[in-house]
Amino acid sequence: MNDLKAKRQSEILRIIGEGDIETQEQMLDHLRRCGIRATQATISRDIKELNLVKQPGAGGSYRYVVSAARPARRALEGRLQNIFKEGVTSCDVAQNIVVVKTMPGLAPAAGAALDGMALEGLVGSLAGDDTVILIMRTGQVAEELAREIESMLEG
């Protein structure tokens, strides 16, 4: 995946994580405001690759969200591998907490993507500007996730 595509897809994840996006045109408008140019066809491909689906929102409208229907391992190895390779700088674990450090500004996108993956044992997450904290149910699950993230960073 090239840098522009990775940046665009990271931005899409951030946009849908921060507000209700009902249409591809709204998505394009938000991207343009962020300085990212794309066509409707490109956005359509990104939506498919990121496994975004529409779900009911407030007032009977629909909004894009990351589907949690895919198995966590496939999602982690697939679409997020490029986000991690491009944006994650390190990963560490302390008991049942996984700390993921990213390039500045990329933690919200990484956090939103991780939240949407239905990771087994994930209790919750918190993303700042360059850090994502993942609270796992057990220390063992945290260690396994950290190892998986680290292996992706090496590969």
N, C-alpha and C. Protein backbone atom coordinates (compact mmCIF):
# COMPACT_ATOMS: atom_id res chain seq x y z
N MET A 1 0.86 -1.17 0.00
CA MET A 1 0.00 0.00 0.00
C MET A 1 0.89 1.23 0.00
N ASN A 2 0.57 2.19 -0.82
CA ASN A 2 1.39 3.38 -0.86
C ASN A 2 1.05 4.31 0.29
N ASP A 3 1.92 5.31 0.51
CA ASP A 3 1.75 6.23 1.63
C ASP A 3 0.45 7.02 1.54
N LEU A 4 0.06 7.45 0.33
CA LEU A 4 -1.17 8.22 0.18
C LEU A 4 -2.39 7.39 0.55
N LYS A 5 -2.41 6.15 0.12
CA LYS A 5 -3.53 5.27 0.43
C LYS A 5 -3.61 5.01 1.93
N ALA A 6 -2.48 4.73 2.55
CA ALA A 6 -2.45 4.49 4.00
C ALA A 6 -2.93 5.72 4.76
N LYS A 7 -2.47 6.89 4.34
CA LYS A 7 -2.89 8.13 5.00
C LYS A 7 -4.39 8.36 4.81
N ARG A 8 -4.89 8.13 3.60
CA ARG A 8 -6.31 8.32 3.31
C ARG A 8 -7.15 7.37 4.13
N GLN A 9 -6.74 6.10 4.18
CA GLN A 9 -7.53 5.13 4.93
C GLN A 9 -7.46 5.39 6.44
N SER A 10 -6.34 5.83 6.93
CA SER A 10 -6.24 6.21 8.34
C SER A 10 -7.16 7.38 8.64
N GLU A 11 -7.20 8.33 7.73
CA GLU A 11 -8.05 9.50 7.90
C GLU A 11 -9.53 9.11 7.85
N ILE A 12 -9.89 8.18 6.98
CA ILE A 12 -11.27 7.70 6.91
C ILE A 12 -11.67 7.08 8.25
N LEU A 13 -10.81 6.26 8.82
CA LEU A 13 -11.11 5.66 10.11
C LEU A 13 -11.26 6.71 11.20
N ARG A 14 -10.43 7.74 11.15
CA ARG A 14 -10.53 8.82 12.14
C ARG A 14 -11.85 9.56 11.97
N ILE A 15 -12.20 9.87 10.72
CA ILE A 15 -13.42 10.62 10.43
C ILE A 15 -14.67 9.88 10.92
N ILE A 16 -14.76 8.58 10.62
CA ILE A 16 -15.96 7.85 11.05
C ILE A 16 -15.97 7.62 12.55
N GLY A 17 -14.79 7.64 13.16
CA GLY A 17 -14.71 7.49 14.61
C GLY A 17 -15.13 8.74 15.36
N GLU A 18 -15.01 9.89 14.70
CA GLU A 18 -15.33 11.16 15.36
C GLU A 18 -16.73 11.67 15.08
N GLY A 19 -17.38 11.17 14.03
CA GLY A 19 -18.72 11.69 13.72
C GLY A 19 -19.47 10.77 12.79
N ASP A 20 -20.75 11.08 12.64
CA ASP A 20 -21.62 10.28 11.77
C ASP A 20 -21.43 10.70 10.32
N ILE A 21 -20.99 9.76 9.50
CA ILE A 21 -20.84 9.95 8.07
C ILE A 21 -21.86 9.04 7.40
N GLU A 22 -22.81 9.64 6.68
CA GLU A 22 -23.91 8.88 6.09
C GLU A 22 -23.65 8.48 4.64
N THR A 23 -22.88 9.28 3.89
CA THR A 23 -22.70 9.03 2.47
C THR A 23 -21.23 9.11 2.07
N GLN A 24 -20.94 8.55 0.91
CA GLN A 24 -19.58 8.66 0.38
C GLN A 24 -19.25 10.11 0.05
N GLU A 25 -20.24 10.88 -0.36
CA GLU A 25 -20.01 12.30 -0.66
C GLU A 25 -19.59 13.06 0.60
N GLN A 26 -20.23 12.77 1.74
CA GLN A 26 -19.81 13.39 3.00
C GLN A 26 -18.38 12.99 3.34
N MET A 27 -18.05 11.73 3.09
CA MET A 27 -16.69 11.25 3.34
C MET A 27 -15.70 12.03 2.47
N LEU A 28 -16.03 12.19 1.18
CA LEU A 28 -15.15 12.95 0.28
C LEU A 28 -14.98 14.39 0.76
N ASP A 29 -16.07 15.02 1.20
CA ASP A 29 -16.00 16.40 1.70
C ASP A 29 -15.07 16.50 2.90
N HIS A 30 -15.20 15.57 3.84
CA HIS A 30 -14.32 15.58 5.02
C HIS A 30 -12.86 15.39 4.61
N LEU A 31 -12.62 14.48 3.69
CA LEU A 31 -11.25 14.25 3.23
C LEU A 31 -10.67 15.49 2.56
N ARG A 32 -11.48 16.15 1.73
CA ARG A 32 -11.02 17.37 1.05
C ARG A 32 -10.63 18.44 2.07
N ARG A 33 -11.45 18.57 3.13
CA ARG A 33 -11.14 19.56 4.18
C ARG A 33 -9.83 19.23 4.89
N CYS A 34 -9.44 17.98 4.86
CA CYS A 34 -8.17 17.55 5.46
C CYS A 34 -7.03 17.61 4.45
N GLY A 35 -7.33 18.07 3.24
CA GLY A 35 -6.30 18.18 2.21
C GLY A 35 -6.06 16.90 1.43
N ILE A 36 -7.00 15.96 1.50
CA ILE A 36 -6.85 14.69 0.79
C ILE A 36 -7.84 14.65 -0.36
N ARG A 37 -7.32 14.51 -1.58
CA ARG A 37 -8.18 14.43 -2.76
C ARG A 37 -8.37 12.97 -3.13
N ALA A 38 -9.62 12.62 -3.46
CA ALA A 38 -9.94 11.26 -3.87
C ALA A 38 -11.20 11.28 -4.71
N THR A 39 -11.42 10.22 -5.46
CA THR A 39 -12.64 10.10 -6.26
C THR A 39 -13.63 9.21 -5.51
N GLN A 40 -14.87 9.21 -5.97
CA GLN A 40 -15.89 8.36 -5.36
C GLN A 40 -15.51 6.89 -5.52
N ALA A 41 -14.96 6.52 -6.64
CA ALA A 41 -14.55 5.13 -6.87
C ALA A 41 -13.45 4.71 -5.89
N THR A 42 -12.52 5.61 -5.62
CA THR A 42 -11.45 5.32 -4.66
C THR A 42 -12.03 5.13 -3.27
N ILE A 43 -12.94 6.01 -2.88
CA ILE A 43 -13.57 5.91 -1.56
C ILE A 43 -14.35 4.60 -1.45
N SER A 44 -15.03 4.23 -2.52
CA SER A 44 -15.78 2.98 -2.52
C SER A 44 -14.86 1.78 -2.28
N ARG A 45 -13.69 1.77 -2.93
CA ARG A 45 -12.71 0.70 -2.72
C ARG A 45 -12.17 0.73 -1.29
N ASP A 46 -11.91 1.93 -0.78
CA ASP A 46 -11.41 2.05 0.60
C ASP A 46 -12.44 1.50 1.59
N ILE A 47 -13.71 1.82 1.36
CA ILE A 47 -14.78 1.34 2.25
C ILE A 47 -14.80 -0.18 2.27
N LYS A 48 -14.64 -0.78 1.10
CA LYS A 48 -14.62 -2.24 1.01
C LYS A 48 -13.39 -2.81 1.72
N GLU A 49 -12.20 -2.25 1.46
CA GLU A 49 -10.97 -2.74 2.06
C GLU A 49 -10.95 -2.58 3.57
N LEU A 50 -11.55 -1.50 4.06
CA LEU A 50 -11.58 -1.24 5.50
C LEU A 50 -12.73 -1.97 6.19
N ASN A 51 -13.54 -2.68 5.39
CA ASN A 51 -14.68 -3.43 5.90
C ASN A 51 -15.66 -2.53 6.66
N LEU A 52 -15.97 -1.38 6.05
CA LEU A 52 -16.93 -0.46 6.64
C LEU A 52 -18.33 -0.86 6.22
N VAL A 53 -19.26 -0.72 7.14
CA VAL A 53 -20.66 -1.00 6.87
C VAL A 53 -21.49 0.16 7.40
N LYS A 54 -22.73 0.25 6.93
CA LYS A 54 -23.64 1.27 7.45
C LYS A 54 -24.49 0.64 8.54
N GLN A 55 -24.65 1.38 9.63
CA GLN A 55 -25.52 0.93 10.70
C GLN A 55 -26.43 2.07 11.09
N PRO A 56 -27.59 1.76 11.66
CA PRO A 56 -28.53 2.82 12.03
C PRO A 56 -27.90 3.78 13.03
N GLY A 57 -28.13 5.06 12.78
CA GLY A 57 -27.63 6.10 13.67
C GLY A 57 -28.80 6.82 14.31
N ALA A 58 -28.55 7.99 14.83
CA ALA A 58 -29.59 8.78 15.49
C ALA A 58 -30.60 9.30 14.48
N GLY A 59 -31.85 9.34 14.87
CA GLY A 59 -32.89 9.94 14.03
C GLY A 59 -33.21 9.16 12.77
N GLY A 60 -32.94 7.88 12.74
CA GLY A 60 -33.27 7.07 11.57
C GLY A 60 -32.28 7.14 10.44
N SER A 61 -31.19 7.89 10.60
CA SER A 61 -30.17 7.96 9.55
C SER A 61 -29.22 6.76 9.71
N TYR A 62 -28.35 6.60 8.73
CA TYR A 62 -27.35 5.54 8.78
C TYR A 62 -25.97 6.17 8.78
N ARG A 63 -24.99 5.44 9.37
CA ARG A 63 -23.62 5.95 9.41
C ARG A 63 -22.65 4.81 9.17
N TYR A 64 -21.46 5.17 8.65
CA TYR A 64 -20.42 4.18 8.42
C TYR A 64 -19.74 3.82 9.74
N VAL A 65 -19.49 2.52 9.92
CA VAL A 65 -18.74 2.01 11.07
C VAL A 65 -17.87 0.87 10.57
N VAL A 66 -16.86 0.51 11.35
CA VAL A 66 -16.03 -0.65 11.03
C VAL A 66 -16.79 -1.89 11.47
N SER A 67 -16.97 -2.82 10.55
CA SER A 67 -17.70 -4.06 10.87
C SER A 67 -16.89 -4.91 11.82
N ALA A 68 -17.57 -5.45 12.81
CA ALA A 68 -16.93 -6.34 13.77
C ALA A 68 -17.16 -7.80 13.41
N ALA A 69 -17.67 -8.06 12.22
CA ALA A 69 -18.06 -9.41 11.84
C ALA A 69 -16.88 -10.29 11.42
N ARG A 70 -15.73 -9.70 11.08
CA ARG A 70 -14.62 -10.51 10.61
C ARG A 70 -13.82 -11.06 11.78
N PRO A 71 -13.17 -12.19 11.58
CA PRO A 71 -12.31 -12.72 12.65
C PRO A 71 -11.18 -11.74 12.96
N ALA A 72 -10.84 -11.62 14.23
CA ALA A 72 -9.84 -10.63 14.66
C ALA A 72 -8.48 -10.87 14.01
N ARG A 73 -8.01 -12.12 13.94
CA ARG A 73 -6.68 -12.39 13.40
C ARG A 73 -6.59 -11.93 11.94
N ARG A 74 -7.59 -12.26 11.13
CA ARG A 74 -7.57 -11.88 9.72
C ARG A 74 -7.58 -10.36 9.58
N ALA A 75 -8.37 -9.68 10.39
CA ALA A 75 -8.42 -8.23 10.33
C ALA A 75 -7.07 -7.63 10.72
N LEU A 76 -6.47 -8.16 11.78
CA LEU A 76 -5.20 -7.63 12.25
C LEU A 76 -4.11 -7.86 11.21
N GLU A 77 -4.12 -9.03 10.59
CA GLU A 77 -3.10 -9.33 9.60
C GLU A 77 -3.36 -8.63 8.27
N GLY A 78 -4.60 -8.33 7.99
CA GLY A 78 -4.97 -7.74 6.71
C GLY A 78 -4.90 -6.23 6.69
N ARG A 79 -6.05 -5.62 6.80
CA ARG A 79 -6.13 -4.18 6.57
C ARG A 79 -5.34 -3.34 7.54
N LEU A 80 -5.19 -3.80 8.79
CA LEU A 80 -4.46 -2.99 9.76
C LEU A 80 -2.95 -3.14 9.66
N GLN A 81 -2.49 -4.17 8.99
CA GLN A 81 -1.06 -4.38 8.88
C GLN A 81 -0.38 -3.14 8.30
N ASN A 82 -0.97 -2.57 7.27
CA ASN A 82 -0.36 -1.39 6.65
C ASN A 82 -0.44 -0.16 7.55
N ILE A 83 -1.55 0.01 8.26
CA ILE A 83 -1.65 1.14 9.19
C ILE A 83 -0.57 1.00 10.25
N PHE A 84 -0.41 -0.21 10.79
CA PHE A 84 0.61 -0.41 11.81
C PHE A 84 2.00 -0.19 11.27
N LYS A 85 2.30 -0.75 10.09
CA LYS A 85 3.64 -0.59 9.53
C LYS A 85 3.96 0.87 9.27
N GLU A 86 2.96 1.63 8.83
CA GLU A 86 3.18 3.03 8.53
C GLU A 86 3.18 3.92 9.77
N GLY A 87 2.36 3.57 10.77
CA GLY A 87 2.15 4.52 11.86
C GLY A 87 2.58 4.09 13.24
N VAL A 88 2.65 2.79 13.52
CA VAL A 88 3.00 2.35 14.86
C VAL A 88 4.51 2.31 15.01
N THR A 89 4.99 2.87 16.10
CA THR A 89 6.43 2.91 16.33
C THR A 89 6.88 1.88 17.35
N SER A 90 6.00 1.51 18.30
CA SER A 90 6.37 0.50 19.29
C SER A 90 5.14 -0.03 20.00
N CYS A 91 5.35 -1.12 20.70
CA CYS A 91 4.27 -1.77 21.45
C CYS A 91 4.89 -2.35 22.71
N ASP A 92 4.20 -2.18 23.83
CA ASP A 92 4.69 -2.74 25.09
C ASP A 92 3.49 -3.23 25.89
N VAL A 93 3.76 -4.07 26.88
CA VAL A 93 2.68 -4.62 27.69
C VAL A 93 3.06 -4.50 29.17
N ALA A 94 2.06 -4.17 29.98
CA ALA A 94 2.22 -4.11 31.43
C ALA A 94 1.00 -4.78 32.04
N GLN A 95 1.19 -5.98 32.56
CA GLN A 95 0.10 -6.79 33.11
C GLN A 95 -0.97 -6.99 32.04
N ASN A 96 -2.16 -6.44 32.20
CA ASN A 96 -3.23 -6.65 31.22
C ASN A 96 -3.42 -5.45 30.30
N ILE A 97 -2.44 -4.57 30.23
CA ILE A 97 -2.55 -3.35 29.41
C ILE A 97 -1.51 -3.39 28.29
N VAL A 98 -1.98 -3.17 27.05
CA VAL A 98 -1.09 -3.07 25.90
C VAL A 98 -1.00 -1.60 25.53
N VAL A 99 0.22 -1.08 25.42
CA VAL A 99 0.45 0.31 25.05
C VAL A 99 1.05 0.33 23.64
N VAL A 100 0.33 0.97 22.71
CA VAL A 100 0.76 1.06 21.33
C VAL A 100 1.13 2.52 21.06
N LYS A 101 2.40 2.76 20.71
CA LYS A 101 2.86 4.11 20.37
C LYS A 101 2.80 4.28 18.85
N THR A 102 2.31 5.44 18.39
CA THR A 102 2.18 5.71 16.96
C THR A 102 2.89 7.01 16.61
N MET A 103 2.95 7.26 15.31
CA MET A 103 3.41 8.56 14.84
C MET A 103 2.36 9.58 15.31
N PRO A 104 2.75 10.85 15.49
CA PRO A 104 1.79 11.85 15.96
C PRO A 104 0.53 11.90 15.08
N GLY A 105 -0.61 11.90 15.74
CA GLY A 105 -1.89 12.04 15.05
C GLY A 105 -2.51 10.74 14.58
N LEU A 106 -1.80 9.62 14.64
CA LEU A 106 -2.33 8.37 14.11
C LEU A 106 -2.97 7.45 15.15
N ALA A 107 -2.85 7.78 16.42
CA ALA A 107 -3.43 6.91 17.45
C ALA A 107 -4.96 6.80 17.34
N PRO A 108 -5.69 7.90 17.06
CA PRO A 108 -7.14 7.73 16.95
C PRO A 108 -7.56 6.75 15.85
N ALA A 109 -6.88 6.79 14.72
CA ALA A 109 -7.22 5.86 13.63
C ALA A 109 -6.88 4.43 14.02
N ALA A 110 -5.72 4.23 14.61
CA ALA A 110 -5.33 2.88 15.04
C ALA A 110 -6.29 2.38 16.11
N GLY A 111 -6.65 3.24 17.05
CA GLY A 111 -7.57 2.86 18.11
C GLY A 111 -8.95 2.52 17.58
N ALA A 112 -9.46 3.33 16.64
CA ALA A 112 -10.77 3.06 16.06
C ALA A 112 -10.77 1.74 15.31
N ALA A 113 -9.70 1.47 14.60
CA ALA A 113 -9.61 0.22 13.86
C ALA A 113 -9.55 -0.97 14.81
N LEU A 114 -8.76 -0.85 15.87
CA LEU A 114 -8.67 -1.94 16.85
C LEU A 114 -10.01 -2.16 17.53
N ASP A 115 -10.70 -1.09 17.88
CA ASP A 115 -12.02 -1.21 18.52
C ASP A 115 -13.01 -1.95 17.62
N GLY A 116 -12.93 -1.70 16.33
CA GLY A 116 -13.87 -2.30 15.40
C GLY A 116 -13.57 -3.75 15.04
N MET A 117 -12.50 -4.30 15.58
CA MET A 117 -12.10 -5.65 15.20
C MET A 117 -12.62 -6.75 16.11
N ALA A 118 -13.31 -6.40 17.17
CA ALA A 118 -13.83 -7.39 18.11
C ALA A 118 -12.72 -8.33 18.61
N LEU A 119 -11.62 -7.74 19.05
CA LEU A 119 -10.51 -8.53 19.58
C LEU A 119 -10.95 -9.29 20.82
N GLU A 120 -10.65 -10.57 20.83
CA GLU A 120 -11.03 -11.39 21.98
C GLU A 120 -10.26 -10.92 23.21
N GLY A 121 -10.99 -10.65 24.27
CA GLY A 121 -10.37 -10.23 25.52
C GLY A 121 -10.19 -8.74 25.67
N LEU A 122 -10.59 -7.95 24.67
CA LEU A 122 -10.47 -6.49 24.78
C LEU A 122 -11.61 -5.95 25.63
N VAL A 123 -11.26 -5.29 26.73
CA VAL A 123 -12.27 -4.70 27.61
C VAL A 123 -12.59 -3.28 27.13
N GLY A 124 -11.56 -2.54 26.72
CA GLY A 124 -11.75 -1.17 26.26
C GLY A 124 -10.44 -0.59 25.78
N SER A 125 -10.54 0.59 25.17
CA SER A 125 -9.34 1.25 24.67
C SER A 125 -9.46 2.75 24.85
N LEU A 126 -8.33 3.40 24.82
CA LEU A 126 -8.27 4.85 24.93
C LEU A 126 -7.15 5.33 24.01
N ALA A 127 -7.45 6.29 23.13
CA ALA A 127 -6.44 6.79 22.20
C ALA A 127 -6.21 8.27 22.44
N GLY A 128 -4.95 8.63 22.49
CA GLY A 128 -4.57 10.04 22.54
C GLY A 128 -4.08 10.44 21.16
N ASP A 129 -3.08 11.30 21.11
CA ASP A 129 -2.52 11.75 19.83
C ASP A 129 -1.57 10.71 19.24
N ASP A 130 -0.71 10.15 20.11
CA ASP A 130 0.30 9.21 19.62
C ASP A 130 0.39 7.93 20.44
N THR A 131 -0.64 7.66 21.26
CA THR A 131 -0.64 6.47 22.11
C THR A 131 -2.04 5.87 22.18
N VAL A 132 -2.10 4.55 22.06
CA VAL A 132 -3.34 3.82 22.26
C VAL A 132 -3.12 2.88 23.44
N ILE A 133 -4.03 2.92 24.40
CA ILE A 133 -3.99 2.01 25.54
C ILE A 133 -5.11 1.01 25.34
N LEU A 134 -4.76 -0.28 25.34
CA LEU A 134 -5.73 -1.35 25.20
C LEU A 134 -5.79 -2.11 26.52
N ILE A 135 -6.95 -2.13 27.12
CA ILE A 135 -7.13 -2.84 28.38
C ILE A 135 -7.70 -4.21 28.05
N MET A 136 -6.91 -5.22 28.35
CA MET A 136 -7.29 -6.60 28.02
C MET A 136 -7.81 -7.29 29.28
N ARG A 137 -8.59 -8.34 29.09
CA ARG A 137 -9.18 -9.06 30.23
C ARG A 137 -8.13 -9.74 31.11
N THR A 138 -7.06 -10.27 30.49
CA THR A 138 -6.02 -10.95 31.27
C THR A 138 -4.64 -10.54 30.75
N GLY A 139 -3.64 -10.79 31.58
CA GLY A 139 -2.27 -10.52 31.18
C GLY A 139 -1.84 -11.41 30.02
N GLN A 140 -2.33 -12.65 30.00
CA GLN A 140 -1.96 -13.57 28.93
C GLN A 140 -2.48 -13.08 27.59
N VAL A 141 -3.72 -12.62 27.55
CA VAL A 141 -4.30 -12.10 26.30
C VAL A 141 -3.53 -10.85 25.87
N ALA A 142 -3.14 -10.01 26.83
CA ALA A 142 -2.37 -8.80 26.52
C ALA A 142 -1.02 -9.17 25.90
N GLU A 143 -0.35 -10.16 26.49
CA GLU A 143 0.95 -10.62 25.96
C GLU A 143 0.80 -11.14 24.54
N GLU A 144 -0.25 -11.94 24.29
CA GLU A 144 -0.46 -12.49 22.95
C GLU A 144 -0.70 -11.38 21.92
N LEU A 145 -1.52 -10.41 22.26
CA LEU A 145 -1.78 -9.31 21.34
C LEU A 145 -0.51 -8.50 21.09
N ALA A 146 0.24 -8.21 22.13
CA ALA A 146 1.49 -7.45 21.98
C ALA A 146 2.47 -8.20 21.06
N ARG A 147 2.57 -9.52 21.24
CA ARG A 147 3.46 -10.31 20.37
C ARG A 147 2.99 -10.24 18.92
N GLU A 148 1.68 -10.30 18.71
CA GLU A 148 1.16 -10.25 17.35
C GLU A 148 1.45 -8.89 16.70
N ILE A 149 1.26 -7.83 17.46
CA ILE A 149 1.55 -6.49 16.94
C ILE A 149 3.04 -6.35 16.65
N GLU A 150 3.89 -6.80 17.57
CA GLU A 150 5.33 -6.71 17.35
C GLU A 150 5.78 -7.50 16.13
N SER A 151 5.19 -8.67 15.91
CA SER A 151 5.57 -9.47 14.73
C SER A 151 5.17 -8.75 13.45
N MET A 152 4.06 -8.04 13.47
CA MET A 152 3.67 -7.27 12.30
C MET A 152 4.63 -6.12 12.04
N LEU A 153 5.13 -5.51 13.10
CA LEU A 153 6.06 -4.39 12.94
C LEU A 153 7.40 -4.88 12.38
N GLU A 154 7.79 -6.08 12.72
CA GLU A 154 9.06 -6.65 12.22
C GLU A 154 8.94 -7.12 10.78
N GLY A 155 7.75 -7.60 10.41
CA GLY A 155 7.55 -8.18 9.06
C GLY A 155 7.25 -7.19 8.11
